[in-house]
């Protein structure tokens, strides 16, 4: 895909089509990666976005209990030293 470099004030920029923005879920910012002979634009993601609300909801529903015991009965801690 070929795109034009356009003037934006004293700088230059590129325009991304609505289709590209939607396909790659680009919102307000991109990550710019400079590699030898390449410029990579990568959608900036927040993989843990919303976890705080989800954890709070789990806690309120008492659904944040351990699935496995924290300490197993057959563990011998003295052998770890």
PDB file of N, CA and C in Angstrom:
ATOM      1  N   UNK A   1       0.850  -1.167   0.000  1.00  0.00           N
ATOM      2  CA  UNK A   1       0.000   0.000   0.000  1.00  0.00           C
ATOM      3  C   UNK A   1       0.894   1.229   0.000  1.00  0.00           C
ATOM      4  N   UNK A   2       0.616   2.146  -0.882  1.00  0.00           N
ATOM      5  CA  UNK A   2       1.379   3.380  -0.941  1.00  0.00           C
ATOM      6  C   UNK A   2       0.531   4.512  -0.380  1.00  0.00           C
ATOM      7  N   UNK A   3       1.131   5.304   0.513  1.00  0.00           N
ATOM      8  CA  UNK A   3       0.435   6.463   1.069  1.00  0.00           C
ATOM      9  C   UNK A   3       1.328   7.677   0.921  1.00  0.00           C
ATOM     10  N   UNK A   4       0.716   8.851   0.904  1.00  0.00           N
ATOM     11  CA  UNK A   4       1.461  10.102   0.735  1.00  0.00           C
ATOM     12  C   UNK A   4       1.879  10.679   2.074  1.00  0.00           C
ATOM     13  N   UNK A   5       3.007  11.365   2.059  1.00  0.00           N
ATOM     14  CA  UNK A   5       3.452  12.129   3.217  1.00  0.00           C
ATOM     15  C   UNK A   5       2.902  13.536   3.014  1.00  0.00           C
ATOM     16  N   UNK A   6       2.216  14.059   4.030  1.00  0.00           N
ATOM     17  CA  UNK A   6       1.556  15.360   3.922  1.00  0.00           C
ATOM     18  C   UNK A   6       2.149  16.344   4.924  1.00  0.00           C
ATOM     19  N   UNK A   7       2.000  17.627   4.619  1.00  0.00           N
ATOM     20  CA  UNK A   7       2.459  18.670   5.539  1.00  0.00           C
ATOM     21  C   UNK A   7       1.425  18.879   6.636  1.00  0.00           C
ATOM     22  N   UNK A   8       1.928  18.968   7.875  1.00  0.00           N
ATOM     23  CA  UNK A   8       1.094  19.264   9.038  1.00  0.00           C
ATOM     24  C   UNK A   8       1.853  20.331   9.822  1.00  0.00           C
ATOM     25  N   UNK A   9       1.508  21.597   9.597  1.00  0.00           N
ATOM     26  CA  UNK A   9       2.258  22.683  10.225  1.00  0.00           C
ATOM     27  C   UNK A   9       3.691  22.668   9.746  1.00  0.00           C
ATOM     28  N   UNK A  10       4.643  22.666  10.688  1.00  0.00           N
ATOM     29  CA  UNK A  10       6.070  22.600  10.338  1.00  0.00           C
ATOM     30  C   UNK A  10       6.563  21.164  10.204  1.00  0.00           C
ATOM     31  N   UNK A  11       5.663  20.202  10.395  1.00  0.00           N
ATOM     32  CA  UNK A  11       6.044  18.795  10.360  1.00  0.00           C
ATOM     33  C   UNK A  11       5.454  18.107   9.142  1.00  0.00           C
ATOM     34  N   UNK A  12       5.702  16.829   9.033  1.00  0.00           N
ATOM     35  CA  UNK A  12       5.126  15.983   7.992  1.00  0.00           C
ATOM     36  C   UNK A  12       4.424  14.828   8.684  1.00  0.00           C
ATOM     37  N   UNK A  13       3.447  14.258   8.015  1.00  0.00           N
ATOM     38  CA  UNK A  13       2.713  13.153   8.599  1.00  0.00           C
ATOM     39  C   UNK A  13       2.110  12.272   7.530  1.00  0.00           C
ATOM     40  N   UNK A  14       1.420  11.242   7.966  1.00  0.00           N
ATOM     41  CA  UNK A  14       0.719  10.343   7.051  1.00  0.00           C
ATOM     42  C   UNK A  14      -0.724  10.235   7.502  1.00  0.00           C
ATOM     43  N   UNK A  15      -1.609   9.921   6.571  1.00  0.00           N
ATOM     44  CA  UNK A  15      -3.015   9.673   6.893  1.00  0.00           C
ATOM     45  C   UNK A  15      -3.282   8.198   6.747  1.00  0.00           C
ATOM     46  N   UNK A  16      -3.988   7.650   7.730  1.00  0.00           N
ATOM     47  CA  UNK A  16      -4.402   6.252   7.661  1.00  0.00           C
ATOM     48  C   UNK A  16      -5.900   6.221   7.386  1.00  0.00           C
ATOM     49  N   UNK A  17      -6.298   5.337   6.508  1.00  0.00           N
ATOM     50  CA  UNK A  17      -7.711   5.260   6.143  1.00  0.00           C
ATOM     51  C   UNK A  17      -8.550   4.722   7.303  1.00  0.00           C
ATOM     52  N   UNK A  18      -9.830   5.015   7.260  1.00  0.00           N
ATOM     53  CA  UNK A  18     -10.753   4.525   8.279  1.00  0.00           C
ATOM     54  C   UNK A  18     -10.726   2.999   8.333  1.00  0.00           C
ATOM     55  N   UNK A  19     -10.594   2.373   7.181  1.00  0.00           N
ATOM     56  CA  UNK A  19     -10.548   0.903   7.114  1.00  0.00           C
ATOM     57  C   UNK A  19      -9.351   0.362   7.885  1.00  0.00           C
ATOM     58  N   UNK A  20      -8.179   0.972   7.701  1.00  0.00           N
ATOM     59  CA  UNK A  20      -6.965   0.532   8.408  1.00  0.00           C
ATOM     60  C   UNK A  20      -7.112   0.784   9.902  1.00  0.00           C
ATOM     61  N   UNK A  21      -7.637   1.953  10.275  1.00  0.00           N
ATOM     62  CA  UNK A  21      -7.822   2.275  11.694  1.00  0.00           C
ATOM     63  C   UNK A  21      -8.738   1.261  12.371  1.00  0.00           C
ATOM     64  N   UNK A  22      -9.815   0.902  11.715  1.00  0.00           N
ATOM     65  CA  UNK A  22     -10.755  -0.062  12.302  1.00  0.00           C
ATOM     66  C   UNK A  22     -10.189  -1.475  12.312  1.00  0.00           C
ATOM     67  N   UNK A  23      -9.547  -1.876  11.221  1.00  0.00           N
ATOM     68  CA  UNK A  23      -9.010  -3.241  11.131  1.00  0.00           C
ATOM     69  C   UNK A  23      -7.990  -3.523  12.227  1.00  0.00           C
ATOM     70  N   UNK A  24      -7.132  -2.533  12.529  1.00  0.00           N
ATOM     71  CA  UNK A  24      -6.068  -2.733  13.514  1.00  0.00           C
ATOM     72  C   UNK A  24      -6.391  -2.095  14.858  1.00  0.00           C
ATOM     73  N   UNK A  25      -7.632  -1.657  15.030  1.00  0.00           N
ATOM     74  CA  UNK A  25      -8.111  -1.089  16.288  1.00  0.00           C
ATOM     75  C   UNK A  25      -7.190   0.025  16.787  1.00  0.00           C
ATOM     76  N   UNK A  26      -6.860   0.953  15.901  1.00  0.00           N
ATOM     77  CA  UNK A  26      -6.005   2.080  16.243  1.00  0.00           C
ATOM     78  C   UNK A  26      -6.886   3.177  16.803  1.00  0.00           C
ATOM     79  N   UNK A  27      -6.586   3.630  18.018  1.00  0.00           N
ATOM     80  CA  UNK A  27      -7.380   4.652  18.684  1.00  0.00           C
ATOM     81  C   UNK A  27      -6.663   5.988  18.661  1.00  0.00           C
ATOM     82  N   UNK A  28      -5.896   6.287  19.707  1.00  0.00           N
ATOM     83  CA  UNK A  28      -5.283   7.601  19.866  1.00  0.00           C
ATOM     84  C   UNK A  28      -3.776   7.624  19.659  1.00  0.00           C
ATOM     85  N   UNK A  29      -3.120   6.481  19.756  1.00  0.00           N
ATOM     86  CA  UNK A  29      -1.660   6.501  19.632  1.00  0.00           C
ATOM     87  C   UNK A  29      -1.162   5.204  19.010  1.00  0.00           C
ATOM     88  N   UNK A  30       0.040   5.290  18.473  1.00  0.00           N
ATOM     89  CA  UNK A  30       0.717   4.153  17.866  1.00  0.00           C
ATOM     90  C   UNK A  30       2.096   4.018  18.485  1.00  0.00           C
ATOM     91  N   UNK A  31       2.639   2.822  18.415  1.00  0.00           N
ATOM     92  CA  UNK A  31       4.025   2.616  18.808  1.00  0.00           C
ATOM     93  C   UNK A  31       4.858   2.693  17.532  1.00  0.00           C
ATOM     94  N   UNK A  32       5.907   3.499  17.543  1.00  0.00           N
ATOM     95  CA  UNK A  32       6.789   3.657  16.399  1.00  0.00           C
ATOM     96  C   UNK A  32       8.063   2.876  16.669  1.00  0.00           C
ATOM     97  N   UNK A  33       8.351   1.909  15.814  1.00  0.00           N
ATOM     98  CA  UNK A  33       9.543   1.075  15.976  1.00  0.00           C
ATOM     99  C   UNK A  33      10.457   1.337  14.788  1.00  0.00           C
ATOM    100  N   UNK A  34      11.685   1.733  15.067  1.00  0.00           N
ATOM    101  CA  UNK A  34      12.668   1.982  14.017  1.00  0.00           C
ATOM    102  C   UNK A  34      13.641   0.823  13.957  1.00  0.00           C
ATOM    103  N   UNK A  35      13.654   0.139  12.832  1.00  0.00           N
ATOM    104  CA  UNK A  35      14.584  -0.961  12.607  1.00  0.00           C
ATOM    105  C   UNK A  35      15.367  -0.666  11.344  1.00  0.00           C
ATOM    106  N   UNK A  36      16.413  -1.393  11.131  1.00  0.00           N
ATOM    107  CA  UNK A  36      17.261  -1.153   9.968  1.00  0.00           C
ATOM    108  C   UNK A  36      16.415  -1.193   8.692  1.00  0.00           C
ATOM    109  N   UNK A  37      16.359  -0.066   8.009  1.00  0.00           N
ATOM    110  CA  UNK A  37      15.631   0.103   6.745  1.00  0.00           C
ATOM    111  C   UNK A  37      14.117  -0.008   6.859  1.00  0.00           C
ATOM    112  N   UNK A  38      13.565  -0.005   8.077  1.00  0.00           N
ATOM    113  CA  UNK A  38      12.119  -0.133   8.246  1.00  0.00           C
ATOM    114  C   UNK A  38      11.610   0.822   9.314  1.00  0.00           C
ATOM    115  N   UNK A  39      10.415   1.319   9.102  1.00  0.00           N
ATOM    116  CA  UNK A  39       9.668   2.038  10.124  1.00  0.00           C
ATOM    117  C   UNK A  39       8.398   1.230  10.339  1.00  0.00           C
ATOM    118  N   UNK A  40       8.176   0.781  11.559  1.00  0.00           N
ATOM    119  CA  UNK A  40       7.019  -0.061  11.872  1.00  0.00           C
ATOM    120  C   UNK A  40       6.068   0.731  12.752  1.00  0.00           C
ATOM    121  N   UNK A  41       4.811   0.804  12.339  1.00  0.00           N
ATOM    122  CA  UNK A  41       3.758   1.408  13.142  1.00  0.00           C
ATOM    123  C   UNK A  41       2.937   0.274  13.728  1.00  0.00           C
ATOM    124  N   UNK A  42       2.844   0.260  15.039  1.00  0.00           N
ATOM    125  CA  UNK A  42       2.166  -0.835  15.720  1.00  0.00           C
ATOM    126  C   UNK A  42       1.083  -0.260  16.623  1.00  0.00           C
ATOM    127  N   UNK A  43      -0.133  -0.810  16.557  1.00  0.00           N
ATOM    128  CA  UNK A  43      -1.190  -0.316  17.454  1.00  0.00           C
ATOM    129  C   UNK A  43      -0.739  -0.438  18.906  1.00  0.00           C
ATOM    130  N   UNK A  44      -0.941   0.617  19.669  1.00  0.00           N
ATOM    131  CA  UNK A  44      -0.586   0.598  21.090  1.00  0.00           C
ATOM    132  C   UNK A  44      -1.710  -0.113  21.831  1.00  0.00           C
ATOM    133  N   UNK A  45      -1.359  -1.151  22.528  1.00  0.00           N
ATOM    134  CA  UNK A  45      -2.368  -1.944  23.225  1.00  0.00           C
ATOM    135  C   UNK A  45      -2.200  -1.831  24.729  1.00  0.00           C
ATOM    136  N   UNK A  46      -3.262  -2.055  25.416  1.00  0.00           N
ATOM    137  CA  UNK A  46      -3.268  -2.110  26.873  1.00  0.00           C
ATOM    138  C   UNK A  46      -3.854  -3.458  27.273  1.00  0.00           C
ATOM    139  N   UNK A  47      -3.020  -4.494  27.280  1.00  0.00           N
ATOM    140  CA  UNK A  47      -3.543  -5.837  27.512  1.00  0.00           C
ATOM    141  C   UNK A  47      -4.229  -6.026  28.863  1.00  0.00           C
ATOM    142  N   UNK A  48      -3.889  -5.229  29.860  1.00  0.00           N
ATOM    143  CA  UNK A  48      -4.496  -5.384  31.181  1.00  0.00           C
ATOM    144  C   UNK A  48      -5.557  -4.320  31.459  1.00  0.00           C
ATOM    145  N   UNK A  49      -5.960  -3.609  30.428  1.00  0.00           N
ATOM    146  CA  UNK A  49      -6.959  -2.556  30.594  1.00  0.00           C
ATOM    147  C   UNK A  49      -8.269  -3.168  31.085  1.00  0.00           C
ATOM    148  N   UNK A  50      -8.818  -2.597  32.140  1.00  0.00           N
ATOM    149  CA  UNK A  50     -10.081  -3.073  32.684  1.00  0.00           C
ATOM    150  C   UNK A  50      -9.949  -4.172  33.733  1.00  0.00           C
ATOM    151  N   UNK A  51      -8.714  -4.650  33.954  1.00  0.00           N
ATOM    152  CA  UNK A  51      -8.533  -5.718  34.941  1.00  0.00           C
ATOM    153  C   UNK A  51      -8.915  -5.244  36.335  1.00  0.00           C
ATOM    154  N   UNK A  52      -8.620  -3.989  36.679  1.00  0.00           N
ATOM    155  CA  UNK A  52      -8.920  -3.497  38.023  1.00  0.00           C
ATOM    156  C   UNK A  52     -10.417  -3.589  38.310  1.00  0.00           C
ATOM    157  N   UNK A  53     -11.239  -3.236  37.337  1.00  0.00           N
ATOM    158  CA  UNK A  53     -12.690  -3.324  37.515  1.00  0.00           C
ATOM    159  C   UNK A  53     -13.148  -4.780  37.587  1.00  0.00           C
ATOM    160  N   UNK A  54     -12.550  -5.637  36.774  1.00  0.00           N
ATOM    161  CA  UNK A  54     -12.913  -7.054  36.785  1.00  0.00           C
ATOM    162  C   UNK A  54     -12.549  -7.696  38.126  1.00  0.00           C
ATOM    163  N   UNK A  55     -11.359  -7.366  38.659  1.00  0.00           N
ATOM    164  CA  UNK A  55     -10.942  -7.925  39.946  1.00  0.00           C
ATOM    165  C   UNK A  55     -11.844  -7.433  41.077  1.00  0.00           C
ATOM    166  N   UNK A  56     -12.225  -6.163  41.020  1.00  0.00           N
ATOM    167  CA  UNK A  56     -13.118  -5.623  42.048  1.00  0.00           C
ATOM    168  C   UNK A  56     -14.463  -6.341  42.001  1.00  0.00           C
ATOM    169  N   UNK A  57     -14.983  -6.564  40.805  1.00  0.00           N
ATOM    170  CA  UNK A  57     -16.261  -7.269  40.641  1.00  0.00           C
ATOM    171  C   UNK A  57     -16.155  -8.711  41.157  1.00  0.00           C
ATOM    172  N   UNK A  58     -15.025  -9.373  40.856  1.00  0.00           N
ATOM    173  CA  UNK A  58     -14.812 -10.738  41.354  1.00  0.00           C
ATOM    174  C   UNK A  58     -14.783 -10.751  42.874  1.00  0.00           C
ATOM    175  N   UNK A  59     -14.102  -9.768  43.480  1.00  0.00           N
ATOM    176  CA  UNK A  59     -14.004  -9.713  44.935  1.00  0.00           C
ATOM    177  C   UNK A  59     -15.383  -9.496  45.568  1.00  0.00           C
ATOM    178  N   UNK A  60     -16.167  -8.598  44.973  1.00  0.00           N
ATOM    179  CA  UNK A  60     -17.502  -8.324  45.508  1.00  0.00           C
ATOM    180  C   UNK A  60     -18.402  -9.557  45.420  1.00  0.00           C
ATOM    181  N   UNK A  61     -18.178 -10.405  44.421  1.00  0.00           N
ATOM    182  CA  UNK A  61     -18.966 -11.627  44.259  1.00  0.00           C
ATOM    183  C   UNK A  61     -18.335 -12.808  44.997  1.00  0.00           C
ATOM    184  N   UNK A  62     -17.262 -12.557  45.771  1.00  0.00           N
ATOM    185  CA  UNK A  62     -16.520 -13.602  46.489  1.00  0.00           C
ATOM    186  C   UNK A  62     -16.054 -14.696  45.535  1.00  0.00           C
ATOM    187  N   UNK A  63     -15.686 -14.280  44.318  1.00  0.00           N
ATOM    188  CA  UNK A  63     -15.240 -15.228  43.307  1.00  0.00           C
ATOM    189  C   UNK A  63     -13.726 -15.142  43.107  1.00  0.00           C
ATOM    190  N   UNK A  64     -13.004 -14.638  44.114  1.00  0.00           N
ATOM    191  CA  UNK A  64     -11.561 -14.497  44.007  1.00  0.00           C
ATOM    192  C   UNK A  64     -10.820 -15.424  44.974  1.00  0.00           C
ATOM    193  N   UNK A  65     -11.372 -16.596  45.190  1.00  0.00           N
ATOM    194  CA  UNK A  65     -10.748 -17.575  46.076  1.00  0.00           C
ATOM    195  C   UNK A  65      -9.695 -18.371  45.313  1.00  0.00           C
ATOM    196  N   UNK A  66      -8.692 -18.863  46.036  1.00  0.00           N
ATOM    197  CA  UNK A  66      -7.650 -19.674  45.410  1.00  0.00           C
ATOM    198  C   UNK A  66      -8.232 -20.981  44.896  1.00  0.00           C
ATOM    199  N   UNK A  67      -7.815 -21.398  43.715  1.00  0.00           N
ATOM    200  CA  UNK A  67      -8.250 -22.676  43.168  1.00  0.00           C
ATOM    201  C   UNK A  67      -7.387 -23.820  43.672  1.00  0.00           C
ATOM    202  N   UNK A  68      -6.147 -23.507  44.000  1.00  0.00           N
ATOM    203  CA  UNK A  68      -5.220 -24.492  44.555  1.00  0.00           C
ATOM    204  C   UNK A  68      -4.752 -23.984  45.900  1.00  0.00           C
ATOM    205  N   UNK A  69      -4.466 -24.869  46.834  1.00  0.00           N
ATOM    206  CA  UNK A  69      -3.972 -24.406  48.126  1.00  0.00           C
ATOM    207  C   UNK A  69      -2.635 -23.680  47.962  1.00  0.00           C
ATOM    208  N   UNK A  70      -2.402 -22.697  48.828  1.00  0.00           N
ATOM    209  CA  UNK A  70      -1.186 -21.906  48.763  1.00  0.00           C
ATOM    210  C   UNK A  70       0.038 -22.743  49.126  1.00  0.00           C
ATOM    211  N   UNK A  71      -0.120 -23.692  50.024  1.00  0.00           N
ATOM    212  CA  UNK A  71       0.956 -24.576  50.458  1.00  0.00           C
ATOM    213  C   UNK A  71       0.432 -26.005  50.408  1.00  0.00           C
ATOM    214  N   UNK A  72       1.189 -26.878  49.799  1.00  0.00           N
ATOM    215  CA  UNK A  72       0.795 -28.279  49.743  1.00  0.00           C
ATOM    216  C   UNK A  72       1.261 -28.991  51.007  1.00  0.00           C
ATOM    217  N   UNK A  73       0.517 -29.987  51.443  1.00  0.00           N
ATOM    218  CA  UNK A  73       0.818 -30.678  52.703  1.00  0.00           C
ATOM    219  C   UNK A  73       2.101 -31.490  52.623  1.00  0.00           C
ATOM    220  N   UNK A  74       2.537 -31.886  51.441  1.00  0.00           N
ATOM    221  CA  UNK A  74       3.734 -32.715  51.313  1.00  0.00           C
ATOM    222  C   UNK A  74       5.009 -31.913  51.037  1.00  0.00           C
ATOM    223  N   UNK A  75       4.946 -30.575  51.127  1.00  0.00           N
ATOM    224  CA  UNK A  75       6.130 -29.760  50.881  1.00  0.00           C
ATOM    225  C   UNK A  75       7.086 -29.810  52.070  1.00  0.00           C
ATOM    226  N   UNK A  76       8.375 -29.871  51.783  1.00  0.00           N
ATOM    227  CA  UNK A  76       9.403 -29.868  52.815  1.00  0.00           C
ATOM    228  C   UNK A  76      10.276 -28.637  52.560  1.00  0.00           C
ATOM    229  N   UNK A  77      10.100 -27.610  53.385  1.00  0.00           N
ATOM    230  CA  UNK A  77      10.803 -26.356  53.166  1.00  0.00           C
ATOM    231  C   UNK A  77      12.269 -26.412  53.592  1.00  0.00           C
ATOM    232  N   UNK A  78      12.611 -27.299  54.498  1.00  0.00           N
ATOM    233  CA  UNK A  78      13.991 -27.375  54.971  1.00  0.00           C
ATOM    234  C   UNK A  78      14.933 -27.779  53.847  1.00  0.00           C
ATOM    235  N   UNK A  79      14.458 -28.530  52.880  1.00  0.00           N
ATOM    236  CA  UNK A  79      15.338 -28.970  51.791  1.00  0.00           C
ATOM    237  C   UNK A  79      15.627 -27.868  50.796  1.00  0.00           C
ATOM    238  N   UNK A  80      15.003 -26.706  50.933  1.00  0.00           N
ATOM    239  CA  UNK A  80      15.217 -25.606  49.999  1.00  0.00           C
ATOM    240  C   UNK A  80      16.444 -24.769  50.345  1.00  0.00           C
ATOM    241  N   UNK A  81      16.977 -24.922  51.529  1.00  0.00           N
ATOM    242  CA  UNK A  81      18.097 -24.074  51.925  1.00  0.00           C
ATOM    243  C   UNK A  81      19.429 -24.641  51.525  1.00  0.00           C
TER     244      UNK A  81
END
